[in-house]
PDB file of N, CA and C in Angstrom:
ATOM      1  N   UNK A   1      74.746 146.666  54.282  1.00  0.00           N
ATOM      2  CA  UNK A   1      73.397 146.354  54.729  1.00  0.00           C
ATOM      3  C   UNK A   1      73.409 145.751  56.130  1.00  0.00           C
ATOM      4  N   UNK A   2      74.399 144.910  56.414  1.00  0.00           N
ATOM      5  CA  UNK A   2      74.485 144.313  57.749  1.00  0.00           C
ATOM      6  C   UNK A   2      74.657 145.387  58.798  1.00  0.00           C
ATOM      7  N   UNK A   3      75.500 146.388  58.515  1.00  0.00           N
ATOM      8  CA  UNK A   3      75.694 147.473  59.467  1.00  0.00           C
ATOM      9  C   UNK A   3      74.406 148.247  59.698  1.00  0.00           C
ATOM     10  N   UNK A   4      73.620 148.460  58.631  1.00  0.00           N
ATOM     11  CA  UNK A   4      72.336 149.144  58.774  1.00  0.00           C
ATOM     12  C   UNK A   4      71.406 148.351  59.687  1.00  0.00           C
ATOM     13  N   UNK A   5      71.411 147.028  59.526  1.00  0.00           N
ATOM     14  CA  UNK A   5      70.551 146.184  60.352  1.00  0.00           C
ATOM     15  C   UNK A   5      70.974 146.261  61.813  1.00  0.00           C
ATOM     16  N   UNK A   6      72.273 146.228  62.062  1.00  0.00           N
ATOM     17  CA  UNK A   6      72.763 146.303  63.439  1.00  0.00           C
ATOM     18  C   UNK A   6      72.390 147.633  64.078  1.00  0.00           C
ATOM     19  N   UNK A   7      72.416 148.699  63.305  1.00  0.00           N
ATOM     20  CA  UNK A   7      72.126 150.011  63.855  1.00  0.00           C
ATOM     21  C   UNK A   7      70.644 150.194  64.133  1.00  0.00           C
ATOM     22  N   UNK A   8      69.780 149.543  63.362  1.00  0.00           N
ATOM     23  CA  UNK A   8      68.348 149.750  63.546  1.00  0.00           C
ATOM     24  C   UNK A   8      67.730 148.774  64.533  1.00  0.00           C
ATOM     25  N   UNK A   9      68.387 147.642  64.746  1.00  0.00           N
ATOM     26  CA  UNK A   9      67.830 146.663  65.676  1.00  0.00           C
ATOM     27  C   UNK A   9      68.039 147.140  67.102  1.00  0.00           C
ATOM     28  N   UNK A  10      66.968 147.165  67.873  1.00  0.00           N
ATOM     29  CA  UNK A  10      67.073 147.598  69.257  1.00  0.00           C
ATOM     30  C   UNK A  10      66.726 146.443  70.177  1.00  0.00           C
ATOM     31  N   UNK A  11      67.449 146.361  71.254  1.00  0.00           N
ATOM     32  CA  UNK A  11      67.168 145.342  72.254  1.00  0.00           C
ATOM     33  C   UNK A  11      66.089 145.853  73.192  1.00  0.00           C
ATOM     34  N   UNK A  12      65.299 144.937  73.755  1.00  0.00           N
ATOM     35  CA  UNK A  12      64.289 145.377  74.722  1.00  0.00           C
ATOM     36  C   UNK A  12      64.960 145.929  75.972  1.00  0.00           C
ATOM     37  N   UNK A  13      64.257 146.754  76.725  1.00  0.00           N
ATOM     38  CA  UNK A  13      64.838 147.297  77.956  1.00  0.00           C
ATOM     39  C   UNK A  13      65.254 146.166  78.885  1.00  0.00           C
ATOM     40  N   UNK A  14      66.361 146.372  79.590  1.00  0.00           N
ATOM     41  CA  UNK A  14      66.905 145.330  80.447  1.00  0.00           C
ATOM     42  C   UNK A  14      66.778 145.690  81.918  1.00  0.00           C
ATOM     43  N   UNK A  15      65.810 146.471  82.280  1.00  0.00           N
ATOM     44  CA  UNK A  15      65.703 146.934  83.659  1.00  0.00           C
ATOM     45  C   UNK A  15      65.724 145.788  84.661  1.00  0.00           C
ATOM     46  N   UNK A  16      64.888 144.799  84.473  1.00  0.00           N
ATOM     47  CA  UNK A  16      64.842 143.670  85.392  1.00  0.00           C
ATOM     48  C   UNK A  16      65.184 142.367  84.699  1.00  0.00           C
ATOM     49  N   UNK A  17      65.856 142.430  83.570  1.00  0.00           N
ATOM     50  CA  UNK A  17      66.135 141.225  82.793  1.00  0.00           C
ATOM     51  C   UNK A  17      67.149 140.330  83.473  1.00  0.00           C
ATOM     52  N   UNK A  18      67.946 140.840  84.379  1.00  0.00           N
ATOM     53  CA  UNK A  18      68.984 140.036  85.008  1.00  0.00           C
ATOM     54  C   UNK A  18      68.481 139.065  86.048  1.00  0.00           C
ATOM     55  N   UNK A  19      67.357 139.354  86.692  1.00  0.00           N
ATOM     56  CA  UNK A  19      66.929 138.486  87.787  1.00  0.00           C
ATOM     57  C   UNK A  19      66.559 137.089  87.337  1.00  0.00           C
ATOM     58  N   UNK A  20      65.920 136.862  86.169  1.00  0.00           N
ATOM     59  CA  UNK A  20      65.643 135.474  85.799  1.00  0.00           C
ATOM     60  C   UNK A  20      66.925 134.680  85.572  1.00  0.00           C
ATOM     61  N   UNK A  21      67.912 135.303  84.957  1.00  0.00           N
ATOM     62  CA  UNK A  21      69.172 134.610  84.718  1.00  0.00           C
ATOM     63  C   UNK A  21      69.843 134.294  86.043  1.00  0.00           C
ATOM     64  N   UNK A  22      69.858 135.258  86.945  1.00  0.00           N
ATOM     65  CA  UNK A  22      70.452 135.013  88.254  1.00  0.00           C
ATOM     66  C   UNK A  22      69.704 133.889  88.973  1.00  0.00           C
ATOM     67  N   UNK A  23      68.387 133.892  88.871  1.00  0.00           N
ATOM     68  CA  UNK A  23      67.578 132.841  89.480  1.00  0.00           C
ATOM     69  C   UNK A  23      67.934 131.478  88.909  1.00  0.00           C
ATOM     70  N   UNK A  24      68.078 131.390  87.580  1.00  0.00           N
ATOM     71  CA  UNK A  24      68.416 130.124  86.943  1.00  0.00           C
ATOM     72  C   UNK A  24      69.789 129.634  87.380  1.00  0.00           C
ATOM     73  N   UNK A  25      70.741 130.535  87.470  1.00  0.00           N
ATOM     74  CA  UNK A  25      72.087 130.150  87.895  1.00  0.00           C
ATOM     75  C   UNK A  25      72.064 129.669  89.339  1.00  0.00           C
ATOM     76  N   UNK A  26      71.381 130.389  90.210  1.00  0.00           N
ATOM     77  CA  UNK A  26      71.299 129.993  91.620  1.00  0.00           C
ATOM     78  C   UNK A  26      70.574 128.661  91.751  1.00  0.00           C
ATOM     79  N   UNK A  27      69.470 128.488  91.034  1.00  0.00           N
ATOM     80  CA  UNK A  27      68.739 127.234  91.106  1.00  0.00           C
ATOM     81  C   UNK A  27      69.589 126.082  90.588  1.00  0.00           C
ATOM     82  N   UNK A  28      70.306 126.303  89.499  1.00  0.00           N
ATOM     83  CA  UNK A  28      71.171 125.255  88.968  1.00  0.00           C
ATOM     84  C   UNK A  28      72.217 124.856  89.997  1.00  0.00           C
ATOM     85  N   UNK A  29      72.780 125.833  90.675  1.00  0.00           N
ATOM     86  CA  UNK A  29      73.766 125.528  91.719  1.00  0.00           C
ATOM     87  C   UNK A  29      73.127 124.736  92.841  1.00  0.00           C
ATOM     88  N   UNK A  30      71.891 125.079  93.209  1.00  0.00           N
ATOM     89  CA  UNK A  30      71.182 124.342  94.259  1.00  0.00           C
ATOM     90  C   UNK A  30      70.954 122.899  93.836  1.00  0.00           C
ATOM     91  N   UNK A  31      70.572 122.702  92.587  1.00  0.00           N
ATOM     92  CA  UNK A  31      70.297 121.355  92.086  1.00  0.00           C
ATOM     93  C   UNK A  31      71.574 120.530  92.082  1.00  0.00           C
ATOM     94  N   UNK A  32      72.665 121.122  91.607  1.00  0.00           N
ATOM     95  CA  UNK A  32      73.913 120.388  91.558  1.00  0.00           C
ATOM     96  C   UNK A  32      74.446 120.072  92.952  1.00  0.00           C
ATOM     97  N   UNK A  33      74.193 120.948  93.905  1.00  0.00           N
ATOM     98  CA  UNK A  33      74.664 120.728  95.269  1.00  0.00           C
ATOM     99  C   UNK A  33      73.751 119.775  96.036  1.00  0.00           C
ATOM    100  N   UNK A  34      72.591 119.511  95.513  1.00  0.00           N
ATOM    101  CA  UNK A  34      71.621 118.667  96.207  1.00  0.00           C
ATOM    102  C   UNK A  34      70.421 119.507  96.588  1.00  0.00           C
ATOM    103  N   UNK A  35      69.300 118.865  96.833  1.00  0.00           N
ATOM    104  CA  UNK A  35      68.093 119.629  97.137  1.00  0.00           C
ATOM    105  C   UNK A  35      68.213 120.337  98.477  1.00  0.00           C
ATOM    106  N   UNK A  36      67.968 121.613  98.463  1.00  0.00           N
ATOM    107  CA  UNK A  36      67.978 122.400  99.685  1.00  0.00           C
ATOM    108  C   UNK A  36      66.551 122.650 100.119  1.00  0.00           C
ATOM    109  N   UNK A  37      66.369 123.506 101.108  1.00  0.00           N
ATOM    110  CA  UNK A  37      65.012 123.747 101.604  1.00  0.00           C
ATOM    111  C   UNK A  37      64.101 124.390 100.569  1.00  0.00           C
ATOM    112  N   UNK A  38      64.662 125.075  99.554  1.00  0.00           N
ATOM    113  CA  UNK A  38      63.820 125.765  98.579  1.00  0.00           C
ATOM    114  C   UNK A  38      63.598 124.950  97.305  1.00  0.00           C
ATOM    115  N   UNK A  39      64.326 123.843  97.138  1.00  0.00           N
ATOM    116  CA  UNK A  39      64.189 123.035  95.926  1.00  0.00           C
ATOM    117  C   UNK A  39      63.541 121.698  96.287  1.00  0.00           C
ATOM    118  N   UNK A  40      62.673 121.247  95.424  1.00  0.00           N
ATOM    119  CA  UNK A  40      61.997 119.960  95.625  1.00  0.00           C
ATOM    120  C   UNK A  40      62.580 118.960  94.634  1.00  0.00           C
ATOM    121  N   UNK A  41      62.894 117.777  95.117  1.00  0.00           N
ATOM    122  CA  UNK A  41      63.391 116.713  94.243  1.00  0.00           C
ATOM    123  C   UNK A  41      62.443 115.536  94.375  1.00  0.00           C
ATOM    124  N   UNK A  42      62.044 114.995  93.228  1.00  0.00           N
ATOM    125  CA  UNK A  42      61.157 113.831  93.268  1.00  0.00           C
ATOM    126  C   UNK A  42      61.543 112.873  92.150  1.00  0.00           C
ATOM    127  N   UNK A  43      61.188 111.641  92.337  1.00  0.00           N
ATOM    128  CA  UNK A  43      61.506 110.603  91.359  1.00  0.00           C
ATOM    129  C   UNK A  43      60.260 110.265  90.555  1.00  0.00           C
ATOM    130  N   UNK A  44      60.415 110.151  89.245  1.00  0.00           N
ATOM    131  CA  UNK A  44      59.327 109.707  88.392  1.00  0.00           C
ATOM    132  C   UNK A  44      59.171 108.204  88.622  1.00  0.00           C
ATOM    133  N   UNK A  45      58.034 107.753  89.160  1.00  0.00           N
ATOM    134  CA  UNK A  45      57.883 106.331  89.490  1.00  0.00           C
ATOM    135  C   UNK A  45      57.914 105.406  88.273  1.00  0.00           C
ATOM    136  N   UNK A  46      57.567 105.924  87.101  1.00  0.00           N
ATOM    137  CA  UNK A  46      57.560 105.067  85.908  1.00  0.00           C
ATOM    138  C   UNK A  46      58.960 104.866  85.334  1.00  0.00           C
ATOM    139  N   UNK A  47      59.802 105.908  85.407  1.00  0.00           N
ATOM    140  CA  UNK A  47      61.116 105.842  84.756  1.00  0.00           C
ATOM    141  C   UNK A  47      62.280 105.725  85.734  1.00  0.00           C
ATOM    142  N   UNK A  48      62.058 106.126  86.986  1.00  0.00           N
ATOM    143  CA  UNK A  48      63.146 106.150  87.959  1.00  0.00           C
ATOM    144  C   UNK A  48      64.059 107.355  87.808  1.00  0.00           C
ATOM    145  N   UNK A  49      63.723 108.263  86.903  1.00  0.00           N
ATOM    146  CA  UNK A  49      64.531 109.458  86.690  1.00  0.00           C
ATOM    147  C   UNK A  49      64.108 110.558  87.660  1.00  0.00           C
ATOM    148  N   UNK A  50      65.024 111.494  87.899  1.00  0.00           N
ATOM    149  CA  UNK A  50      64.785 112.543  88.879  1.00  0.00           C
ATOM    150  C   UNK A  50      64.322 113.845  88.231  1.00  0.00           C
ATOM    151  N   UNK A  51      63.528 114.583  88.992  1.00  0.00           N
ATOM    152  CA  UNK A  51      63.037 115.902  88.603  1.00  0.00           C
ATOM    153  C   UNK A  51      63.303 116.841  89.773  1.00  0.00           C
ATOM    154  N   UNK A  52      63.887 118.004  89.477  1.00  0.00           N
ATOM    155  CA  UNK A  52      64.103 119.032  90.483  1.00  0.00           C
ATOM    156  C   UNK A  52      63.249 120.229  90.116  1.00  0.00           C
ATOM    157  N   UNK A  53      62.583 120.818  91.115  1.00  0.00           N
ATOM    158  CA  UNK A  53      61.705 121.955  90.840  1.00  0.00           C
ATOM    159  C   UNK A  53      61.839 122.987  91.941  1.00  0.00           C
ATOM    160  N   UNK A  54      61.759 124.243  91.527  1.00  0.00           N
ATOM    161  CA  UNK A  54      61.760 125.364  92.462  1.00  0.00           C
ATOM    162  C   UNK A  54      60.733 126.374  91.968  1.00  0.00           C
ATOM    163  N   UNK A  55      59.907 126.868  92.871  1.00  0.00           N
ATOM    164  CA  UNK A  55      58.914 127.884  92.516  1.00  0.00           C
ATOM    165  C   UNK A  55      58.974 129.003  93.544  1.00  0.00           C
ATOM    166  N   UNK A  56      58.894 130.228  93.029  1.00  0.00           N
ATOM    167  CA  UNK A  56      58.937 131.380  93.924  1.00  0.00           C
ATOM    168  C   UNK A  56      58.368 132.593  93.201  1.00  0.00           C
ATOM    169  N   UNK A  57      57.513 133.312  93.852  1.00  0.00           N
ATOM    170  CA  UNK A  57      56.979 134.593  93.347  1.00  0.00           C
ATOM    171  C   UNK A  57      56.438 134.511  91.926  1.00  0.00           C
ATOM    172  N   UNK A  58      55.695 133.471  91.626  1.00  0.00           N
ATOM    173  CA  UNK A  58      55.065 133.366  90.317  1.00  0.00           C
ATOM    174  C   UNK A  58      55.983 132.905  89.205  1.00  0.00           C
ATOM    175  N   UNK A  59      57.137 132.365  89.560  1.00  0.00           N
ATOM    176  CA  UNK A  59      58.100 131.899  88.566  1.00  0.00           C
ATOM    177  C   UNK A  59      58.592 130.530  89.021  1.00  0.00           C
ATOM    178  N   UNK A  60      58.509 129.540  88.128  1.00  0.00           N
ATOM    179  CA  UNK A  60      59.007 128.217  88.503  1.00  0.00           C
ATOM    180  C   UNK A  60      59.981 127.701  87.462  1.00  0.00           C
ATOM    181  N   UNK A  61      60.888 126.877  87.927  1.00  0.00           N
ATOM    182  CA  UNK A  61      61.947 126.321  87.094  1.00  0.00           C
ATOM    183  C   UNK A  61      62.051 124.838  87.419  1.00  0.00           C
ATOM    184  N   UNK A  62      62.064 124.010  86.386  1.00  0.00           N
ATOM    185  CA  UNK A  62      62.114 122.564  86.579  1.00  0.00           C
ATOM    186  C   UNK A  62      63.190 121.953  85.687  1.00  0.00           C
ATOM    187  N   UNK A  63      63.994 121.095  86.271  1.00  0.00           N
ATOM    188  CA  UNK A  63      64.963 120.303  85.520  1.00  0.00           C
ATOM    189  C   UNK A  63      64.505 118.859  85.592  1.00  0.00           C
ATOM    190  N   UNK A  64      64.333 118.231  84.448  1.00  0.00           N
ATOM    191  CA  UNK A  64      63.877 116.844  84.396  1.00  0.00           C
ATOM    192  C   UNK A  64      64.937 116.009  83.681  1.00  0.00           C
ATOM    193  N   UNK A  65      65.462 115.016  84.362  1.00  0.00           N
ATOM    194  CA  UNK A  65      66.429 114.117  83.758  1.00  0.00           C
ATOM    195  C   UNK A  65      65.749 113.381  82.605  1.00  0.00           C
ATOM    196  N   UNK A  66      66.421 113.282  81.461  1.00  0.00           N
ATOM    197  CA  UNK A  66      65.839 112.641  80.280  1.00  0.00           C
ATOM    198  C   UNK A  66      66.385 111.228  80.106  1.00  0.00           C
ATOM    199  N   UNK A  67      65.527 110.321  79.707  1.00  0.00           N
ATOM    200  CA  UNK A  67      65.905 108.932  79.477  1.00  0.00           C
ATOM    201  C   UNK A  67      66.785 108.842  78.238  1.00  0.00           C
ATOM    202  N   UNK A  68      67.804 108.005  78.276  1.00  0.00           N
ATOM    203  CA  UNK A  68      68.734 107.852  77.160  1.00  0.00           C
ATOM    204  C   UNK A  68      68.065 107.441  75.861  1.00  0.00           C
ATOM    205  N   UNK A  69      67.035 106.582  75.946  1.00  0.00           N
ATOM    206  CA  UNK A  69      66.326 106.169  74.732  1.00  0.00           C
ATOM    207  C   UNK A  69      65.624 107.358  74.071  1.00  0.00           C
ATOM    208  N   UNK A  70      65.076 108.231  74.892  1.00  0.00           N
ATOM    209  CA  UNK A  70      64.416 109.428  74.365  1.00  0.00           C
ATOM    210  C   UNK A  70      65.436 110.330  73.670  1.00  0.00           C
ATOM    211  N   UNK A  71      66.581 110.552  74.320  1.00  0.00           N
ATOM    212  CA  UNK A  71      67.625 111.403  73.744  1.00  0.00           C
ATOM    213  C   UNK A  71      68.105 110.818  72.416  1.00  0.00           C
ATOM    214  N   UNK A  72      68.331 109.508  72.380  1.00  0.00           N
ATOM    215  CA  UNK A  72      68.772 108.858  71.140  1.00  0.00           C
ATOM    216  C   UNK A  72      67.725 108.999  70.041  1.00  0.00           C
ATOM    217  N   UNK A  73      66.449 108.855  70.396  1.00  0.00           N
ATOM    218  CA  UNK A  73      65.390 108.974  69.399  1.00  0.00           C
ATOM    219  C   UNK A  73      65.320 110.388  68.828  1.00  0.00           C
ATOM    220  N   UNK A  74      65.423 111.385  69.700  1.00  0.00           N
ATOM    221  CA  UNK A  74      65.341 112.775  69.241  1.00  0.00           C
ATOM    222  C   UNK A  74      66.528 113.113  68.348  1.00  0.00           C
ATOM    223  N   UNK A  75      67.740 112.841  68.813  1.00  0.00           N
ATOM    224  CA  UNK A  75      68.917 113.185  68.021  1.00  0.00           C
ATOM    225  C   UNK A  75      69.040 112.290  66.793  1.00  0.00           C
ATOM    226  N   UNK A  76      68.624 111.034  66.912  1.00  0.00           N
ATOM    227  CA  UNK A  76      68.642 110.142  65.756  1.00  0.00           C
ATOM    228  C   UNK A  76      67.725 110.635  64.658  1.00  0.00           C
ATOM    229  N   UNK A  77      66.577 111.211  65.038  1.00  0.00           N
ATOM    230  CA  UNK A  77      65.646 111.738  64.036  1.00  0.00           C
ATOM    231  C   UNK A  77      66.184 113.005  63.374  1.00  0.00           C
ATOM    232  N   UNK A  78      67.218 113.597  63.954  1.00  0.00           N
ATOM    233  CA  UNK A  78      67.829 114.807  63.389  1.00  0.00           C
ATOM    234  C   UNK A  78      69.034 114.477  62.516  1.00  0.00           C
ATOM    235  N   UNK A  79      69.283 113.172  62.283  1.00  0.00           N
ATOM    236  CA  UNK A  79      70.349 112.785  61.382  1.00  0.00           C
ATOM    237  C   UNK A  79      71.669 112.427  62.060  1.00  0.00           C
ATOM    238  N   UNK A  80      71.698 112.329  63.383  1.00  0.00           N
ATOM    239  CA  UNK A  80      72.931 111.942  64.059  1.00  0.00           C
ATOM    240  C   UNK A  80      73.258 110.496  63.711  1.00  0.00           C
ATOM    241  N   UNK A  81      74.524 110.209  63.521  1.00  0.00           N
ATOM    242  CA  UNK A  81      74.967 108.863  63.164  1.00  0.00           C
ATOM    243  C   UNK A  81      74.983 107.977  64.404  1.00  0.00           C
ATOM    244  N   UNK A  82      74.993 106.644  64.220  1.00  0.00           N
ATOM    245  CA  UNK A  82      75.094 105.746  65.379  1.00  0.00           C
ATOM    246  C   UNK A  82      76.324 106.041  66.245  1.00  0.00           C
ATOM    247  N   UNK A  83      77.455 106.398  65.633  1.00  0.00           N
ATOM    248  CA  UNK A  83      78.658 106.720  66.414  1.00  0.00           C
ATOM    249  C   UNK A  83      78.424 107.966  67.272  1.00  0.00           C
ATOM    250  N   UNK A  84      77.749 108.955  66.704  1.00  0.00           N
ATOM    251  CA  UNK A  84      77.438 110.169  67.462  1.00  0.00           C
ATOM    252  C   UNK A  84      76.490 109.846  68.614  1.00  0.00           C
ATOM    253  N   UNK A  85      75.487 109.020  68.349  1.00  0.00           N
ATOM    254  CA  UNK A  85      74.525 108.650  69.390  1.00  0.00           C
ATOM    255  C   UNK A  85      75.213 107.883  70.512  1.00  0.00           C
ATOM    256  N   UNK A  86      76.190 107.055  70.181  1.00  0.00           N
ATOM    257  CA  UNK A  86      76.940 106.323  71.208  1.00  0.00           C
ATOM    258  C   UNK A  86      77.690 107.302  72.106  1.00  0.00           C
ATOM    259  N   UNK A  87      78.289 108.324  71.502  1.00  0.00           N
ATOM    260  CA  UNK A  87      78.987 109.345  72.289  1.00  0.00           C
ATOM    261  C   UNK A  87      78.005 110.086  73.193  1.00  0.00           C
ATOM    262  N   UNK A  88      76.842 110.444  72.655  1.00  0.00           N
ATOM    263  CA  UNK A  88      75.837 111.147  73.456  1.00  0.00           C
ATOM    264  C   UNK A  88      75.353 110.307  74.627  1.00  0.00           C
ATOM    265  N   UNK A  89      75.351 108.988  74.464  1.00  0.00           N
ATOM    266  CA  UNK A  89      74.851 108.112  75.529  1.00  0.00           C
ATOM    267  C   UNK A  89      75.735 108.156  76.774  1.00  0.00           C
ATOM    268  N   UNK A  90      76.917 108.731  76.658  1.00  0.00           N
ATOM    269  CA  UNK A  90      77.826 108.838  77.796  1.00  0.00           C
ATOM    270  C   UNK A  90      77.546 110.073  78.650  1.00  0.00           C
ATOM    271  N   UNK A  91      76.570 110.887  78.242  1.00  0.00           N
ATOM    272  CA  UNK A  91      76.259 112.120  78.948  1.00  0.00           C
ATOM    273  C   UNK A  91      74.863 112.058  79.551  1.00  0.00           C
ATOM    274  N   UNK A  92      74.629 112.935  80.514  1.00  0.00           N
ATOM    275  CA  UNK A  92      73.316 113.053  81.139  1.00  0.00           C
ATOM    276  C   UNK A  92      72.619 114.279  80.555  1.00  0.00           C
ATOM    277  N   UNK A  93      71.368 114.137  80.157  1.00  0.00           N
ATOM    278  CA  UNK A  93      70.601 115.229  79.560  1.00  0.00           C
ATOM    279  C   UNK A  93      69.425 115.599  80.452  1.00  0.00           C
ATOM    280  N   UNK A  94      69.076 116.881  80.410  1.00  0.00           N
ATOM    281  CA  UNK A  94      67.948 117.389  81.186  1.00  0.00           C
ATOM    282  C   UNK A  94      67.024 118.178  80.285  1.00  0.00           C
ATOM    283  N   UNK A  95      65.738 118.057  80.548  1.00  0.00           N
ATOM    284  CA  UNK A  95      64.751 118.939  79.946  1.00  0.00           C
ATOM    285  C   UNK A  95      64.522 120.082  80.919  1.00  0.00           C
ATOM    286  N   UNK A  96      64.203 121.238  80.411  1.00  0.00           N
ATOM    287  CA  UNK A  96      63.999 122.418  81.248  1.00  0.00           C
ATOM    288  C   UNK A  96      62.613 122.972  80.997  1.00  0.00           C
ATOM    289  N   UNK A  97      61.898 123.227  82.079  1.00  0.00           N
ATOM    290  CA  UNK A  97      60.569 123.831  81.985  1.00  0.00           C
ATOM    291  C   UNK A  97      60.582 125.078  82.849  1.00  0.00           C
ATOM    292  N   UNK A  98      60.276 126.215  82.242  1.00  0.00           N
ATOM    293  CA  UNK A  98      60.193 127.480  82.962  1.00  0.00           C
ATOM    294  C   UNK A  98      58.762 127.974  82.823  1.00  0.00           C
ATOM    295  N   UNK A  99      58.147 128.313  83.944  1.00  0.00           N
ATOM    296  CA  UNK A  99      56.756 128.797  83.921  1.00  0.00           C
ATOM    297  C   UNK A  99      56.660 130.153  84.605  1.00  0.00           C
ATOM    298  N   UNK A 100      55.879 131.014  84.005  1.00  0.00           N
ATOM    299  CA  UNK A 100      55.595 132.314  84.594  1.00  0.00           C
ATOM    300  C   UNK A 100      54.111 132.337  84.940  1.00  0.00           C
ATOM    301  N   UNK A 101      53.799 132.199  86.218  1.00  0.00           N
ATOM    302  CA  UNK A 101      52.398 132.254  86.640  1.00  0.00           C
ATOM    303  C   UNK A 101      52.069 133.604  87.277  1.00  0.00           C
ATOM    304  N   UNK A 102      52.982 134.542  87.176  1.00  0.00           N
ATOM    305  CA  UNK A 102      52.721 135.887  87.692  1.00  0.00           C
ATOM    306  C   UNK A 102      51.909 136.669  86.667  1.00  0.00           C
ATOM    307  N   UNK A 103      51.519 137.853  87.038  1.00  0.00           N
ATOM    308  CA  UNK A 103      50.754 138.698  86.126  1.00  0.00           C
ATOM    309  C   UNK A 103      51.660 139.530  85.226  1.00  0.00           C
ATOM    310  N   UNK A 104      52.954 139.555  85.497  1.00  0.00           N
ATOM    311  CA  UNK A 104      53.881 140.381  84.724  1.00  0.00           C
ATOM    312  C   UNK A 104      54.712 139.557  83.757  1.00  0.00           C
ATOM    313  N   UNK A 105      55.352 140.229  82.808  1.00  0.00           N
ATOM    314  CA  UNK A 105      56.199 139.520  81.847  1.00  0.00           C
ATOM    315  C   UNK A 105      57.539 139.131  82.466  1.00  0.00           C
ATOM    316  N   UNK A 106      58.106 138.075  81.964  1.00  0.00           N
ATOM    317  CA  UNK A 106      59.456 137.668  82.330  1.00  0.00           C
ATOM    318  C   UNK A 106      60.263 137.650  81.042  1.00  0.00           C
ATOM    319  N   UNK A 107      61.385 138.298  81.060  1.00  0.00           N
ATOM    320  CA  UNK A 107      62.235 138.320  79.880  1.00  0.00           C
ATOM    321  C   UNK A 107      63.628 137.850  80.258  1.00  0.00           C
ATOM    322  N   UNK A 108      64.270 137.177  79.315  1.00  0.00           N
ATOM    323  CA  UNK A 108      65.661 136.788  79.493  1.00  0.00           C
ATOM    324  C   UNK A 108      66.269 136.599  78.121  1.00  0.00           C
ATOM    325  N   UNK A 109      67.560 136.797  78.047  1.00  0.00           N
ATOM    326  CA  UNK A 109      68.286 136.614  76.799  1.00  0.00           C
ATOM    327  C   UNK A 109      69.144 135.370  76.937  1.00  0.00           C
ATOM    328  N   UNK A 110      68.839 134.345  76.173  1.00  0.00           N
ATOM    329  CA  UNK A 110      69.616 133.115  76.210  1.00  0.00           C
ATOM    330  C   UNK A 110      71.069 133.403  75.839  1.00  0.00           C
ATOM    331  N   UNK A 111      71.297 134.419  75.030  1.00  0.00           N
ATOM    332  CA  UNK A 111      72.662 134.793  74.651  1.00  0.00           C
ATOM    333  C   UNK A 111      73.492 135.207  75.866  1.00  0.00           C
ATOM    334  N   UNK A 112      72.845 135.569  76.956  1.00  0.00           N
ATOM    335  CA  UNK A 112      73.563 135.964  78.176  1.00  0.00           C
ATOM    336  C   UNK A 112      73.837 134.789  79.120  1.00  0.00           C
ATOM    337  N   UNK A 113      73.371 133.598  78.793  1.00  0.00           N
ATOM    338  CA  UNK A 113      73.545 132.464  79.688  1.00  0.00           C
ATOM    339  C   UNK A 113      75.005 132.050  79.744  1.00  0.00           C
ATOM    340  N   UNK A 114      75.395 131.544  80.877  1.00  0.00           N
ATOM    341  CA  UNK A 114      76.764 131.069  81.045  1.00  0.00           C
ATOM    342  C   UNK A 114      76.771 129.946  82.071  1.00  0.00           C
ATOM    343  N   UNK A 115      77.848 129.209  82.073  1.00  0.00           N
ATOM    344  CA  UNK A 115      78.073 128.166  83.074  1.00  0.00           C
ATOM    345  C   UNK A 115      79.304 128.566  83.866  1.00  0.00           C
ATOM    346  N   UNK A 116      79.288 128.319  85.150  1.00  0.00           N
ATOM    347  CA  UNK A 116      80.437 128.629  86.000  1.00  0.00           C
ATOM    348  C   UNK A 116      81.152 127.330  86.324  1.00  0.00           C
ATOM    349  N   UNK A 117      82.446 127.295  86.048  1.00  0.00           N
ATOM    350  CA  UNK A 117      83.239 126.096  86.288  1.00  0.00           C
ATOM    351  C   UNK A 117      83.484 125.933  87.788  1.00  0.00           C
ATOM    352  N   UNK A 118      83.924 124.748  88.217  1.00  0.00           N
ATOM    353  CA  UNK A 118      84.246 124.569  89.644  1.00  0.00           C
ATOM    354  C   UNK A 118      85.339 125.522  90.134  1.00  0.00           C
ATOM    355  N   UNK A 119      86.129 126.064  89.198  1.00  0.00           N
ATOM    356  CA  UNK A 119      87.191 126.995  89.568  1.00  0.00           C
ATOM    357  C   UNK A 119      86.723 128.448  89.546  1.00  0.00           C
ATOM    358  N   UNK A 120      85.430 128.672  89.304  1.00  0.00           N
ATOM    359  CA  UNK A 120      84.873 130.016  89.338  1.00  0.00           C
ATOM    360  C   UNK A 120      84.982 130.806  88.051  1.00  0.00           C
ATOM    361  N   UNK A 121      85.316 130.144  86.961  1.00  0.00           N
ATOM    362  CA  UNK A 121      85.410 130.824  85.658  1.00  0.00           C
ATOM    363  C   UNK A 121      84.073 130.725  84.934  1.00  0.00           C
ATOM    364  N   UNK A 122      83.638 131.827  84.328  1.00  0.00           N
ATOM    365  CA  UNK A 122      82.396 131.838  83.572  1.00  0.00           C
ATOM    366  C   UNK A 122      82.675 131.448  82.128  1.00  0.00           C
ATOM    367  N   UNK A 123      81.840 130.554  81.615  1.00  0.00           N
ATOM    368  CA  UNK A 123      81.978 130.067  80.244  1.00  0.00           C
ATOM    369  C   UNK A 123      80.668 130.332  79.517  1.00  0.00           C
ATOM    370  N   UNK A 124      80.710 131.108  78.418  1.00  0.00           N
ATOM    371  CA  UNK A 124      79.485 131.371  77.671  1.00  0.00           C
ATOM    372  C   UNK A 124      78.979 130.073  77.063  1.00  0.00           C
ATOM    373  N   UNK A 125      77.675 129.992  76.904  1.00  0.00           N
ATOM    374  CA  UNK A 125      77.060 128.782  76.347  1.00  0.00           C
ATOM    375  C   UNK A 125      76.686 128.987  74.897  1.00  0.00           C
TER     376      UNK A 125
END
């Protein structure tokens, strides 16, 4: 039955599916390297946390640094133990907002996302 399901399931056309992923990777690199002329960085005056945003051709991408208390509350409500939450507190978390204000659809497959190491190796996520 699993083989039947694999054979009948079809993926959507991928004609332009690569550009959003490429955009996200390029924007992420810009954010990590520091704000360039195309990326805007601003500080949330209430929290002191940073937000990076880039918008182009009806598509915008925003990375928002998340407060540690918020991260602990979210993961704590999912059953994470205090020891796990302590480990998580050693990391930096970001919220991601992607907006499509164009008239056309934007498609991407999260299964295709990857991270590139400083040595240039791609690591699936």
